[in-house]
Amino acid sequence: MDTSQTGVTRIPAKEPERAKRAKQERAVEFLRQGGDSFMTSKVDAVLNWSRKYSMFLYPFVTACCGMEFMSVAGPRYDLDRFGCALPRFSPRQSDLLMVVGTITHRQAPILKKVYDQMAEPKWVVAFGACTCSGGPYDNYATVQGIDTIVPVDIYIPGCPPRPEAVIDGLIKLQARVQAEKVPADGRHREIADLELAVVEKPVA
């Protein structure tokens, strides 16, 4: 530092270069440890924007909530505004699993198999009280919430839920899709295999 008679501090020319070099080294170390650059963060934002408006829906409908699901998909509420009105009945072509209605323990392995066949990234919506927590069926035959079988992203309670609640759940799911970063090995934590094995007929 050099102070003149006027009291003004003069900074040597090497100090700004040293600070600039240190800043570059911190940026390189940040990227080396797995941080995001400006380019990758913007690419993720564009991909998430396209994902949230192009969800391919797989409706796993089992019970009376299916009537309410049909009304949401109809022209009055028009799910096509949110980019998820086109149902796909093949799990390999869908990324949004909409579980609608009561799930029994006999159906649980089928639901798990459908979820496992879906490609990453994938999301799950629990539609209705029976799907979220078993609803009024607190007995040996009914699964007390599908989150014991597959990971759930959005819960939509109600018996049945109103179409406005379903639309609100989809908007919340879109906000989550936009904000999240999908890792290379998939986004979902996996739930362990079902304890109850599938009972099959012996092959003669």
C-alpha atoms as a PDB file:
ATOM      1  CA  MET A   1       0.000   0.000   0.000  1.00  0.00           C
ATOM      2  CA  ASP A   2       1.225   3.493  -0.836  1.00  0.00           C
ATOM      3  CA  THR A   3      -0.373   6.521   0.781  1.00  0.00           C
ATOM      4  CA  SER A   4       0.292   9.894  -0.750  1.00  0.00           C
ATOM      5  CA  GLN A   5       0.169  13.248   0.958  1.00  0.00           C
ATOM      6  CA  THR A   6      -3.492  13.679  -0.070  1.00  0.00           C
ATOM      7  CA  GLY A   7      -4.498  10.582   1.946  1.00  0.00           C
ATOM      8  CA  VAL A   8      -5.531   8.500  -1.086  1.00  0.00           C
ATOM      9  CA  THR A   9      -4.579   4.805  -0.858  1.00  0.00           C
ATOM     10  CA  ARG A  10      -2.997   3.379  -3.960  1.00  0.00           C
ATOM     11  CA  ILE A  11      -3.450  -0.361  -4.591  1.00  0.00           C
ATOM     12  CA  PRO A  12      -0.631  -2.104  -6.413  1.00  0.00           C
ATOM     13  CA  ALA A  13      -1.525  -3.526  -9.813  1.00  0.00           C
ATOM     14  CA  LYS A  14      -0.733  -7.096  -8.740  1.00  0.00           C
ATOM     15  CA  GLU A  15      -3.484  -7.310  -6.099  1.00  0.00           C
ATOM     16  CA  PRO A  16      -6.471  -7.191  -8.527  1.00  0.00           C
ATOM     17  CA  GLU A  17      -4.797  -9.868 -10.650  1.00  0.00           C
ATOM     18  CA  ARG A  18      -4.206 -11.999  -7.580  1.00  0.00           C
ATOM     19  CA  ALA A  19      -7.858 -11.639  -6.506  1.00  0.00           C
ATOM     20  CA  LYS A  20      -9.039 -12.469 -10.013  1.00  0.00           C
ATOM     21  CA  ARG A  21      -6.840 -15.576 -10.103  1.00  0.00           C
ATOM     22  CA  ALA A  22      -8.129 -16.695  -6.694  1.00  0.00           C
ATOM     23  CA  LYS A  23     -11.709 -16.233  -7.865  1.00  0.00           C
ATOM     24  CA  GLN A  24     -11.044 -18.359 -10.944  1.00  0.00           C
ATOM     25  CA  GLU A  25      -9.438 -21.068  -8.833  1.00  0.00           C
ATOM     26  CA  ARG A  26     -12.477 -21.131  -6.517  1.00  0.00           C
ATOM     27  CA  ALA A  27     -14.785 -21.441  -9.541  1.00  0.00           C
ATOM     28  CA  VAL A  28     -12.736 -24.320 -10.977  1.00  0.00           C
ATOM     29  CA  GLU A  29     -12.738 -26.109  -7.612  1.00  0.00           C
ATOM     30  CA  PHE A  30     -16.498 -25.595  -7.328  1.00  0.00           C
ATOM     31  CA  LEU A  31     -17.050 -27.202 -10.736  1.00  0.00           C
ATOM     32  CA  ARG A  32     -14.563 -29.988  -9.965  1.00  0.00           C
ATOM     33  CA  GLN A  33     -16.540 -30.951  -6.864  1.00  0.00           C
ATOM     34  CA  GLY A  34     -19.747 -31.305  -8.851  1.00  0.00           C
ATOM     35  CA  GLY A  35     -21.168 -27.808  -8.832  1.00  0.00           C
ATOM     36  CA  ASP A  36     -23.218 -26.395 -11.687  1.00  0.00           C
ATOM     37  CA  SER A  37     -22.000 -23.874 -14.187  1.00  0.00           C
ATOM     38  CA  PHE A  38     -24.194 -21.233 -15.771  1.00  0.00           C
ATOM     39  CA  MET A  39     -24.626 -23.353 -18.891  1.00  0.00           C
ATOM     40  CA  THR A  40     -25.644 -26.595 -17.143  1.00  0.00           C
ATOM     41  CA  SER A  41     -28.052 -24.788 -14.829  1.00  0.00           C
ATOM     42  CA  LYS A  42     -29.801 -23.157 -17.789  1.00  0.00           C
ATOM     43  CA  VAL A  43     -29.991 -26.457 -19.654  1.00  0.00           C
ATOM     44  CA  ASP A  44     -31.574 -28.078 -16.581  1.00  0.00           C
ATOM     45  CA  ALA A  45     -34.111 -25.240 -16.395  1.00  0.00           C
ATOM     46  CA  VAL A  46     -35.096 -25.723 -20.059  1.00  0.00           C
ATOM     47  CA  LEU A  47     -35.359 -29.510 -19.666  1.00  0.00           C
ATOM     48  CA  ASN A  48     -37.486 -29.194 -16.524  1.00  0.00           C
ATOM     49  CA  TRP A  49     -39.723 -26.644 -18.255  1.00  0.00           C
ATOM     50  CA  SER A  50     -40.306 -29.079 -21.107  1.00  0.00           C
ATOM     51  CA  ARG A  51     -40.890 -31.976 -18.693  1.00  0.00           C
ATOM     52  CA  LYS A  52     -43.516 -30.211 -16.627  1.00  0.00           C
ATOM     53  CA  TYR A  53     -45.613 -29.353 -19.697  1.00  0.00           C
ATOM     54  CA  SER A  54     -45.324 -32.735 -21.440  1.00  0.00           C
ATOM     55  CA  MET A  55     -46.184 -35.362 -18.835  1.00  0.00           C
ATOM     56  CA  PHE A  56     -47.411 -38.674 -20.178  1.00  0.00           C
ATOM     57  CA  LEU A  57     -50.021 -39.896 -17.741  1.00  0.00           C
ATOM     58  CA  TYR A  58     -50.531 -43.529 -16.741  1.00  0.00           C
ATOM     59  CA  PRO A  59     -53.932 -43.810 -14.995  1.00  0.00           C
ATOM     60  CA  PHE A  60     -53.947 -46.719 -12.540  1.00  0.00           C
ATOM     61  CA  VAL A  61     -57.701 -46.578 -11.817  1.00  0.00           C
ATOM     62  CA  THR A  62     -59.230 -49.173  -9.508  1.00  0.00           C
ATOM     63  CA  ALA A  63     -62.323 -47.736  -7.781  1.00  0.00           C
ATOM     64  CA  CYS A  64     -64.904 -44.967  -7.544  1.00  0.00           C
ATOM     65  CA  CYS A  65     -62.377 -42.086  -7.707  1.00  0.00           C
ATOM     66  CA  GLY A  66     -62.118 -42.963 -11.381  1.00  0.00           C
ATOM     67  CA  MET A  67     -65.363 -41.052 -12.042  1.00  0.00           C
ATOM     68  CA  GLU A  68     -63.844 -37.887 -10.616  1.00  0.00           C
ATOM     69  CA  PHE A  69     -60.669 -38.487 -12.599  1.00  0.00           C
ATOM     70  CA  MET A  70     -62.727 -38.689 -15.786  1.00  0.00           C
ATOM     71  CA  SER A  71     -64.416 -35.388 -14.992  1.00  0.00           C
ATOM     72  CA  VAL A  72     -61.026 -33.713 -14.510  1.00  0.00           C
ATOM     73  CA  ALA A  73     -59.859 -35.037 -17.871  1.00  0.00           C
ATOM     74  CA  GLY A  74     -63.076 -33.845 -19.534  1.00  0.00           C
ATOM     75  CA  PRO A  75     -63.631 -30.571 -21.392  1.00  0.00           C
ATOM     76  CA  ARG A  76     -64.879 -28.596 -18.392  1.00  0.00           C
ATOM     77  CA  TYR A  77     -61.606 -28.713 -16.452  1.00  0.00           C
ATOM     78  CA  ASP A  78     -59.360 -29.673 -19.389  1.00  0.00           C
ATOM     79  CA  LEU A  79     -56.143 -31.233 -18.145  1.00  0.00           C
ATOM     80  CA  ASP A  80     -54.653 -30.545 -21.554  1.00  0.00           C
ATOM     81  CA  ARG A  81     -53.967 -26.993 -20.371  1.00  0.00           C
ATOM     82  CA  PHE A  82     -51.282 -28.493 -18.135  1.00  0.00           C
ATOM     83  CA  GLY A  83     -49.837 -30.789 -20.771  1.00  0.00           C
ATOM     84  CA  CYS A  84     -50.907 -34.082 -19.190  1.00  0.00           C
ATOM     85  CA  ALA A  85     -54.236 -34.957 -20.777  1.00  0.00           C
ATOM     86  CA  LEU A  86     -52.937 -37.670 -23.101  1.00  0.00           C
ATOM     87  CA  PRO A  87     -53.029 -40.995 -21.211  1.00  0.00           C
ATOM     88  CA  ARG A  88     -50.475 -43.667 -21.954  1.00  0.00           C
ATOM     89  CA  PHE A  89     -51.449 -47.207 -21.086  1.00  0.00           C
ATOM     90  CA  SER A  90     -47.916 -48.492 -21.420  1.00  0.00           C
ATOM     91  CA  PRO A  91     -45.641 -47.772 -18.440  1.00  0.00           C
ATOM     92  CA  ARG A  92     -42.620 -47.617 -20.756  1.00  0.00           C
ATOM     93  CA  GLN A  93     -44.107 -44.561 -22.493  1.00  0.00           C
ATOM     94  CA  SER A  94     -45.311 -42.690 -19.384  1.00  0.00           C
ATOM     95  CA  ASP A  95     -43.621 -40.644 -16.680  1.00  0.00           C
ATOM     96  CA  LEU A  96     -46.548 -39.747 -14.381  1.00  0.00           C
ATOM     97  CA  LEU A  97     -48.240 -42.551 -12.468  1.00  0.00           C
ATOM     98  CA  MET A  98     -51.673 -41.434 -11.276  1.00  0.00           C
ATOM     99  CA  VAL A  99     -52.915 -44.008  -8.748  1.00  0.00           C
ATOM    100  CA  VAL A 100     -56.684 -43.557  -8.474  1.00  0.00           C
ATOM    101  CA  GLY A 101     -58.747 -45.565  -6.017  1.00  0.00           C
ATOM    102  CA  THR A 102     -58.352 -48.308  -3.443  1.00  0.00           C
ATOM    103  CA  ILE A 103     -55.297 -50.560  -3.653  1.00  0.00           C
ATOM    104  CA  THR A 104     -55.589 -54.005  -2.107  1.00  0.00           C
ATOM    105  CA  HIS A 105     -52.684 -56.208  -1.095  1.00  0.00           C
ATOM    106  CA  ARG A 106     -53.466 -58.428  -4.049  1.00  0.00           C
ATOM    107  CA  GLN A 107     -53.038 -55.472  -6.417  1.00  0.00           C
ATOM    108  CA  ALA A 108     -49.889 -54.163  -4.718  1.00  0.00           C
ATOM    109  CA  PRO A 109     -47.375 -56.313  -6.673  1.00  0.00           C
ATOM    110  CA  ILE A 110     -49.004 -55.210  -9.935  1.00  0.00           C
ATOM    111  CA  LEU A 111     -48.680 -51.541  -8.980  1.00  0.00           C
ATOM    112  CA  LYS A 112     -45.041 -52.055  -8.012  1.00  0.00           C
ATOM    113  CA  LYS A 113     -44.316 -53.779 -11.321  1.00  0.00           C
ATOM    114  CA  VAL A 114     -45.935 -50.937 -13.295  1.00  0.00           C
ATOM    115  CA  TYR A 115     -43.863 -48.395 -11.370  1.00  0.00           C
ATOM    116  CA  ASP A 116     -40.628 -50.329 -11.935  1.00  0.00           C
ATOM    117  CA  GLN A 117     -41.283 -50.498 -15.688  1.00  0.00           C
ATOM    118  CA  MET A 118     -41.584 -46.709 -16.003  1.00  0.00           C
ATOM    119  CA  ALA A 119     -38.534 -44.867 -17.279  1.00  0.00           C
ATOM    120  CA  GLU A 120     -36.732 -42.165 -15.296  1.00  0.00           C
ATOM    121  CA  PRO A 121     -37.557 -39.467 -14.455  1.00  0.00           C
ATOM    122  CA  LYS A 122     -40.977 -40.472 -13.143  1.00  0.00           C
ATOM    123  CA  TRP A 123     -43.470 -39.064 -10.682  1.00  0.00           C
ATOM    124  CA  VAL A 124     -46.327 -40.541  -8.639  1.00  0.00           C
ATOM    125  CA  VAL A 125     -49.584 -38.886  -7.565  1.00  0.00           C
ATOM    126  CA  ALA A 126     -51.830 -40.443  -4.905  1.00  0.00           C
ATOM    127  CA  PHE A 127     -55.410 -39.607  -5.929  1.00  0.00           C
ATOM    128  CA  GLY A 128     -58.019 -39.873  -3.183  1.00  0.00           C
ATOM    129  CA  ALA A 129     -58.172 -40.813   0.491  1.00  0.00           C
ATOM    130  CA  CYS A 130     -57.984 -44.572  -0.137  1.00  0.00           C
ATOM    131  CA  THR A 131     -54.772 -44.167  -2.101  1.00  0.00           C
ATOM    132  CA  CYS A 132     -53.226 -41.769   0.419  1.00  0.00           C
ATOM    133  CA  SER A 133     -54.031 -43.625   3.638  1.00  0.00           C
ATOM    134  CA  GLY A 134     -56.457 -46.476   3.010  1.00  0.00           C
ATOM    135  CA  GLY A 135     -59.493 -44.229   3.523  1.00  0.00           C
ATOM    136  CA  PRO A 136     -62.369 -45.838   5.420  1.00  0.00           C
ATOM    137  CA  TYR A 137     -61.049 -49.333   4.713  1.00  0.00           C
ATOM    138  CA  ASP A 138     -58.915 -50.073   7.772  1.00  0.00           C
ATOM    139  CA  ASN A 139     -58.812 -53.820   7.295  1.00  0.00           C
ATOM    140  CA  TYR A 140     -56.532 -56.683   6.358  1.00  0.00           C
ATOM    141  CA  ALA A 141     -57.241 -56.436   2.606  1.00  0.00           C
ATOM    142  CA  THR A 142     -56.467 -52.772   1.898  1.00  0.00           C
ATOM    143  CA  VAL A 143     -53.039 -51.154   1.590  1.00  0.00           C
ATOM    144  CA  GLN A 144     -52.846 -48.312   4.123  1.00  0.00           C
ATOM    145  CA  GLY A 145     -51.289 -45.820   1.743  1.00  0.00           C
ATOM    146  CA  ILE A 146     -49.419 -46.554  -1.481  1.00  0.00           C
ATOM    147  CA  ASP A 147     -46.280 -44.876  -0.084  1.00  0.00           C
ATOM    148  CA  THR A 148     -45.571 -48.262   1.509  1.00  0.00           C
ATOM    149  CA  ILE A 149     -45.142 -49.631  -2.034  1.00  0.00           C
ATOM    150  CA  VAL A 150     -43.876 -46.802  -4.264  1.00  0.00           C
ATOM    151  CA  PRO A 151     -42.522 -43.303  -3.567  1.00  0.00           C
ATOM    152  CA  VAL A 152     -45.218 -40.616  -3.757  1.00  0.00           C
ATOM    153  CA  ASP A 153     -44.611 -37.028  -4.871  1.00  0.00           C
ATOM    154  CA  ILE A 154     -48.056 -35.435  -4.462  1.00  0.00           C
ATOM    155  CA  TYR A 155     -50.949 -36.455  -2.197  1.00  0.00           C
ATOM    156  CA  ILE A 156     -54.470 -35.361  -3.223  1.00  0.00           C
ATOM    157  CA  PRO A 157     -56.832 -36.214  -0.325  1.00  0.00           C
ATOM    158  CA  GLY A 158     -60.598 -36.365  -0.533  1.00  0.00           C
ATOM    159  CA  CYS A 159     -63.352 -38.920  -0.975  1.00  0.00           C
ATOM    160  CA  PRO A 160     -63.429 -38.200  -3.832  1.00  0.00           C
ATOM    161  CA  PRO A 161     -61.186 -35.158  -4.327  1.00  0.00           C
ATOM    162  CA  ARG A 162     -62.710 -32.239  -6.164  1.00  0.00           C
ATOM    163  CA  PRO A 163     -61.372 -31.432  -9.646  1.00  0.00           C
ATOM    164  CA  GLU A 164     -60.019 -28.146  -8.279  1.00  0.00           C
ATOM    165  CA  ALA A 165     -57.939 -30.105  -5.756  1.00  0.00           C
ATOM    166  CA  VAL A 166     -56.561 -32.320  -8.519  1.00  0.00           C
ATOM    167  CA  ILE A 167     -55.600 -29.293 -10.595  1.00  0.00           C
ATOM    168  CA  ASP A 168     -53.941 -27.725  -7.551  1.00  0.00           C
ATOM    169  CA  GLY A 169     -51.959 -30.923  -7.020  1.00  0.00           C
ATOM    170  CA  LEU A 170     -50.814 -30.909 -10.642  1.00  0.00           C
ATOM    171  CA  ILE A 171     -49.699 -27.285 -10.363  1.00  0.00           C
ATOM    172  CA  LYS A 172     -47.688 -28.151  -7.247  1.00  0.00           C
ATOM    173  CA  LEU A 173     -46.149 -31.113  -9.073  1.00  0.00           C
ATOM    174  CA  GLN A 174     -45.192 -28.875 -11.991  1.00  0.00           C
ATOM    175  CA  ALA A 175     -43.515 -26.440  -9.602  1.00  0.00           C
ATOM    176  CA  ARG A 176     -41.582 -29.319  -8.060  1.00  0.00           C
ATOM    177  CA  VAL A 177     -40.501 -30.637 -11.459  1.00  0.00           C
ATOM    178  CA  GLN A 178     -39.309 -27.171 -12.479  1.00  0.00           C
ATOM    179  CA  ALA A 179     -37.229 -26.696  -9.326  1.00  0.00           C
ATOM    180  CA  GLU A 180     -35.605 -30.110  -9.045  1.00  0.00           C
ATOM    181  CA  LYS A 181     -32.427 -31.441 -10.597  1.00  0.00           C
ATOM    182  CA  VAL A 182     -32.545 -34.953 -11.994  1.00  0.00           C
ATOM    183  CA  PRO A 183     -29.327 -36.879 -11.215  1.00  0.00           C
ATOM    184  CA  ALA A 184     -27.816 -39.139 -13.824  1.00  0.00           C
ATOM    185  CA  ASP A 185     -28.815 -42.321 -11.967  1.00  0.00           C
ATOM    186  CA  GLY A 186     -32.483 -41.368 -11.507  1.00  0.00           C
ATOM    187  CA  ARG A 187     -34.358 -39.138  -9.102  1.00  0.00           C
ATOM    188  CA  HIS A 188     -36.318 -41.565  -6.933  1.00  0.00           C
ATOM    189  CA  ARG A 189     -35.189 -43.398  -3.886  1.00  0.00           C
ATOM    190  CA  GLU A 190     -36.340 -46.958  -4.296  1.00  0.00           C
ATOM    191  CA  ILE A 191     -38.523 -48.736  -1.776  1.00  0.00           C
ATOM    192  CA  ALA A 192     -37.505 -52.284  -0.931  1.00  0.00           C
ATOM    193  CA  ASP A 193     -39.243 -55.239  -2.515  1.00  0.00           C
ATOM    194  CA  LEU A 194     -42.611 -56.187  -1.122  1.00  0.00           C
ATOM    195  CA  GLU A 195     -42.505 -58.489   1.853  1.00  0.00           C
ATOM    196  CA  LEU A 196     -45.514 -60.417   0.598  1.00  0.00           C
ATOM    197  CA  ALA A 197     -44.452 -62.525  -2.357  1.00  0.00           C
ATOM    198  CA  VAL A 198     -46.745 -62.840  -5.351  1.00  0.00           C
ATOM    199  CA  VAL A 199     -48.723 -66.052  -5.048  1.00  0.00           C
ATOM    200  CA  GLU A 200     -48.596 -67.858  -8.385  1.00  0.00           C
ATOM    201  CA  LYS A 201     -49.941 -71.169  -9.478  1.00  0.00           C
ATOM    202  CA  PRO A 202     -47.311 -73.912  -9.664  1.00  0.00           C
ATOM    203  CA  VAL A 203     -46.231 -74.824 -13.127  1.00  0.00           C
ATOM    204  CA  ALA A 204     -47.169 -78.416 -13.885  1.00  0.00           C
END
